[in-house]
Amino acid sequence: MGYYITHMKEKIITITPKGINQKQWTNLLLEINLMKRAWRPYGVDIQVSAPGLKKILEWGTRAGGQLSELK
């Protein structure tokens, strides 16, 4: 007999970087976004919220030619 988990309790992680500069902050958010995308095919939906996240992801996930389109 197989059992299927239909609902799992939400798990929350809080990361508080101390002494991080702007470049490190940008890289941290971009790496967390890569992790989020990598886990999606396995059914894991990771929600991320952080100051400046939307703007960082807009600029940080563009290829070279796409950057000139944003200006």
N, C-alpha and C. Protein backbone atom coordinates (compact mmCIF):
# COMPACT_ATOMS: atom_id res chain seq x y z
N MET A 1 0.84 -1.18 0.00
CA MET A 1 0.00 0.00 0.00
C MET A 1 0.88 1.24 0.00
N GLY A 2 0.53 2.18 -0.81
CA GLY A 2 1.28 3.43 -0.87
C GLY A 2 0.50 4.56 -0.21
N TYR A 3 1.19 5.38 0.48
CA TYR A 3 0.58 6.54 1.10
C TYR A 3 1.10 7.78 0.40
N TYR A 4 0.22 8.69 0.11
CA TYR A 4 0.60 9.92 -0.53
C TYR A 4 0.36 11.09 0.40
N ILE A 5 1.35 11.95 0.48
CA ILE A 5 1.20 13.13 1.31
C ILE A 5 0.48 14.18 0.48
N THR A 6 -0.69 14.57 0.92
CA THR A 6 -1.47 15.54 0.15
C THR A 6 -1.26 16.96 0.65
N HIS A 7 -0.85 17.11 1.87
CA HIS A 7 -0.62 18.45 2.41
C HIS A 7 0.47 18.39 3.47
N MET A 8 1.48 19.22 3.26
CA MET A 8 2.55 19.28 4.25
C MET A 8 2.53 20.65 4.90
N LYS A 9 2.92 20.70 6.14
CA LYS A 9 2.97 21.97 6.85
C LYS A 9 4.06 22.85 6.24
N GLU A 10 3.75 24.12 6.13
CA GLU A 10 4.71 25.09 5.62
C GLU A 10 5.90 25.21 6.55
N LYS A 11 7.08 25.29 5.96
CA LYS A 11 8.29 25.45 6.74
C LYS A 11 8.89 26.81 6.41
N ILE A 12 9.37 27.51 7.42
CA ILE A 12 9.87 28.87 7.23
C ILE A 12 11.33 28.93 7.66
N ILE A 13 12.14 29.56 6.81
CA ILE A 13 13.55 29.79 7.11
C ILE A 13 13.77 31.30 7.12
N THR A 14 14.47 31.79 8.11
CA THR A 14 14.83 33.20 8.19
C THR A 14 16.34 33.30 8.12
N ILE A 15 16.83 34.06 7.15
CA ILE A 15 18.27 34.28 7.00
C ILE A 15 18.54 35.75 7.28
N THR A 16 19.43 36.02 8.21
CA THR A 16 19.77 37.40 8.57
C THR A 16 21.27 37.62 8.37
N PRO A 17 21.66 38.10 7.19
CA PRO A 17 23.08 38.34 6.96
C PRO A 17 23.56 39.60 7.70
N LYS A 18 24.64 39.48 8.42
CA LYS A 18 25.20 40.63 9.15
C LYS A 18 26.54 40.99 8.51
N GLY A 19 26.79 42.26 8.33
CA GLY A 19 28.05 42.72 7.76
C GLY A 19 28.17 42.46 6.28
N ILE A 20 27.05 42.37 5.57
CA ILE A 20 27.06 42.08 4.14
C ILE A 20 27.05 43.41 3.36
N ASN A 21 27.86 43.49 2.31
CA ASN A 21 27.83 44.71 1.50
C ASN A 21 26.83 44.54 0.35
N GLN A 22 26.60 45.60 -0.42
CA GLN A 22 25.57 45.58 -1.45
C GLN A 22 25.84 44.53 -2.52
N LYS A 23 27.08 44.38 -2.94
CA LYS A 23 27.43 43.38 -3.96
C LYS A 23 27.17 41.97 -3.45
N GLN A 24 27.54 41.71 -2.20
CA GLN A 24 27.29 40.39 -1.61
C GLN A 24 25.80 40.14 -1.47
N TRP A 25 25.04 41.18 -1.09
CA TRP A 25 23.59 41.05 -0.94
C TRP A 25 22.95 40.69 -2.28
N THR A 26 23.38 41.38 -3.34
CA THR A 26 22.86 41.09 -4.68
C THR A 26 23.17 39.65 -5.07
N ASN A 27 24.40 39.22 -4.87
CA ASN A 27 24.79 37.85 -5.22
C ASN A 27 24.04 36.81 -4.40
N LEU A 28 23.82 37.10 -3.12
CA LEU A 28 23.07 36.18 -2.26
C LEU A 28 21.65 35.99 -2.79
N LEU A 29 20.99 37.09 -3.13
CA LEU A 29 19.62 36.99 -3.64
C LEU A 29 19.57 36.27 -4.97
N LEU A 30 20.53 36.52 -5.85
CA LEU A 30 20.56 35.82 -7.13
C LEU A 30 20.79 34.32 -6.95
N GLU A 31 21.64 33.95 -6.01
CA GLU A 31 21.89 32.53 -5.75
C GLU A 31 20.67 31.85 -5.13
N ILE A 32 19.97 32.54 -4.25
CA ILE A 32 18.74 31.98 -3.67
C ILE A 32 17.70 31.79 -4.77
N ASN A 33 17.64 32.73 -5.72
CA ASN A 33 16.71 32.59 -6.83
C ASN A 33 17.07 31.39 -7.70
N LEU A 34 18.36 31.15 -7.93
CA LEU A 34 18.78 29.96 -8.68
C LEU A 34 18.35 28.68 -7.97
N MET A 35 18.51 28.67 -6.65
CA MET A 35 18.10 27.51 -5.86
C MET A 35 16.58 27.31 -5.97
N LYS A 36 15.85 28.40 -5.92
CA LYS A 36 14.38 28.34 -6.04
C LYS A 36 13.99 27.69 -7.36
N ARG A 37 14.64 28.12 -8.45
CA ARG A 37 14.34 27.56 -9.77
C ARG A 37 14.74 26.09 -9.87
N ALA A 38 15.86 25.72 -9.25
CA ALA A 38 16.34 24.34 -9.31
C ALA A 38 15.40 23.37 -8.58
N TRP A 39 14.77 23.81 -7.51
CA TRP A 39 13.89 22.95 -6.73
C TRP A 39 12.48 22.84 -7.30
N ARG A 40 12.09 23.79 -8.17
CA ARG A 40 10.73 23.81 -8.71
C ARG A 40 10.33 22.49 -9.39
N PRO A 41 11.20 21.85 -10.20
CA PRO A 41 10.79 20.59 -10.84
C PRO A 41 10.47 19.46 -9.87
N TYR A 42 10.92 19.58 -8.63
CA TYR A 42 10.67 18.55 -7.63
C TYR A 42 9.41 18.84 -6.80
N GLY A 43 8.65 19.84 -7.22
CA GLY A 43 7.40 20.15 -6.55
C GLY A 43 7.53 21.07 -5.36
N VAL A 44 8.70 21.68 -5.19
CA VAL A 44 8.93 22.59 -4.07
C VAL A 44 8.74 24.02 -4.55
N ASP A 45 7.82 24.72 -3.95
CA ASP A 45 7.56 26.12 -4.30
C ASP A 45 8.14 26.99 -3.20
N ILE A 46 9.28 27.61 -3.50
CA ILE A 46 9.97 28.44 -2.51
C ILE A 46 9.56 29.90 -2.73
N GLN A 47 9.07 30.52 -1.68
CA GLN A 47 8.69 31.94 -1.72
C GLN A 47 9.81 32.74 -1.07
N VAL A 48 10.28 33.76 -1.78
CA VAL A 48 11.38 34.59 -1.28
C VAL A 48 10.90 36.03 -1.23
N SER A 49 11.18 36.71 -0.13
CA SER A 49 10.91 38.14 -0.03
C SER A 49 12.11 38.80 0.63
N ALA A 50 12.51 39.92 0.04
CA ALA A 50 13.67 40.66 0.56
C ALA A 50 13.63 42.07 0.01
N PRO A 51 14.23 43.02 0.72
CA PRO A 51 14.28 44.39 0.21
C PRO A 51 15.05 44.45 -1.11
N GLY A 52 14.43 45.04 -2.12
CA GLY A 52 15.08 45.22 -3.42
C GLY A 52 15.11 43.97 -4.29
N LEU A 53 14.42 42.91 -3.89
CA LEU A 53 14.47 41.64 -4.61
C LEU A 53 14.02 41.77 -6.06
N LYS A 54 12.90 42.42 -6.29
CA LYS A 54 12.36 42.51 -7.64
C LYS A 54 13.34 43.20 -8.59
N LYS A 55 13.90 44.31 -8.17
CA LYS A 55 14.83 45.05 -9.01
C LYS A 55 16.11 44.25 -9.26
N ILE A 56 16.62 43.61 -8.22
CA ILE A 56 17.84 42.81 -8.36
C ILE A 56 17.62 41.67 -9.33
N LEU A 57 16.47 40.99 -9.23
CA LEU A 57 16.20 39.87 -10.13
C LEU A 57 15.97 40.35 -11.56
N GLU A 58 15.38 41.52 -11.74
CA GLU A 58 15.18 42.06 -13.09
C GLU A 58 16.53 42.29 -13.77
N TRP A 59 17.47 42.87 -13.06
CA TRP A 59 18.78 43.15 -13.64
C TRP A 59 19.69 41.94 -13.64
N GLY A 60 19.64 41.15 -12.60
CA GLY A 60 20.59 40.06 -12.44
C GLY A 60 20.32 38.83 -13.27
N THR A 61 19.12 38.68 -13.81
CA THR A 61 18.79 37.48 -14.58
C THR A 61 18.72 37.78 -16.07
N ARG A 62 19.19 38.93 -16.49
CA ARG A 62 19.18 39.30 -17.91
C ARG A 62 20.49 38.90 -18.58
N ALA A 63 20.39 38.57 -19.85
CA ALA A 63 21.59 38.32 -20.66
C ALA A 63 22.10 39.68 -21.15
N GLY A 64 23.33 39.75 -21.62
CA GLY A 64 23.95 41.01 -22.01
C GLY A 64 23.14 41.87 -22.95
N GLY A 65 22.56 41.31 -23.99
CA GLY A 65 21.78 42.07 -24.96
C GLY A 65 20.48 42.62 -24.39
N GLN A 66 19.95 41.97 -23.39
CA GLN A 66 18.67 42.39 -22.81
C GLN A 66 18.84 43.58 -21.88
N LEU A 67 20.03 43.86 -21.39
CA LEU A 67 20.24 44.96 -20.48
C LEU A 67 19.97 46.31 -21.14
N SER A 68 20.32 46.44 -22.42
CA SER A 68 20.10 47.71 -23.10
C SER A 68 18.61 47.97 -23.30
N GLU A 69 17.79 46.94 -23.30
CA GLU A 69 16.34 47.11 -23.46
C GLU A 69 15.70 47.70 -22.20
N LEU A 70 16.33 47.53 -21.05
CA LEU A 70 15.76 48.02 -19.80
C LEU A 70 16.00 49.51 -19.59
N LYS A 71 17.00 50.07 -20.23
CA LYS A 71 17.36 51.48 -20.00
C LYS A 71 16.39 52.43 -20.60
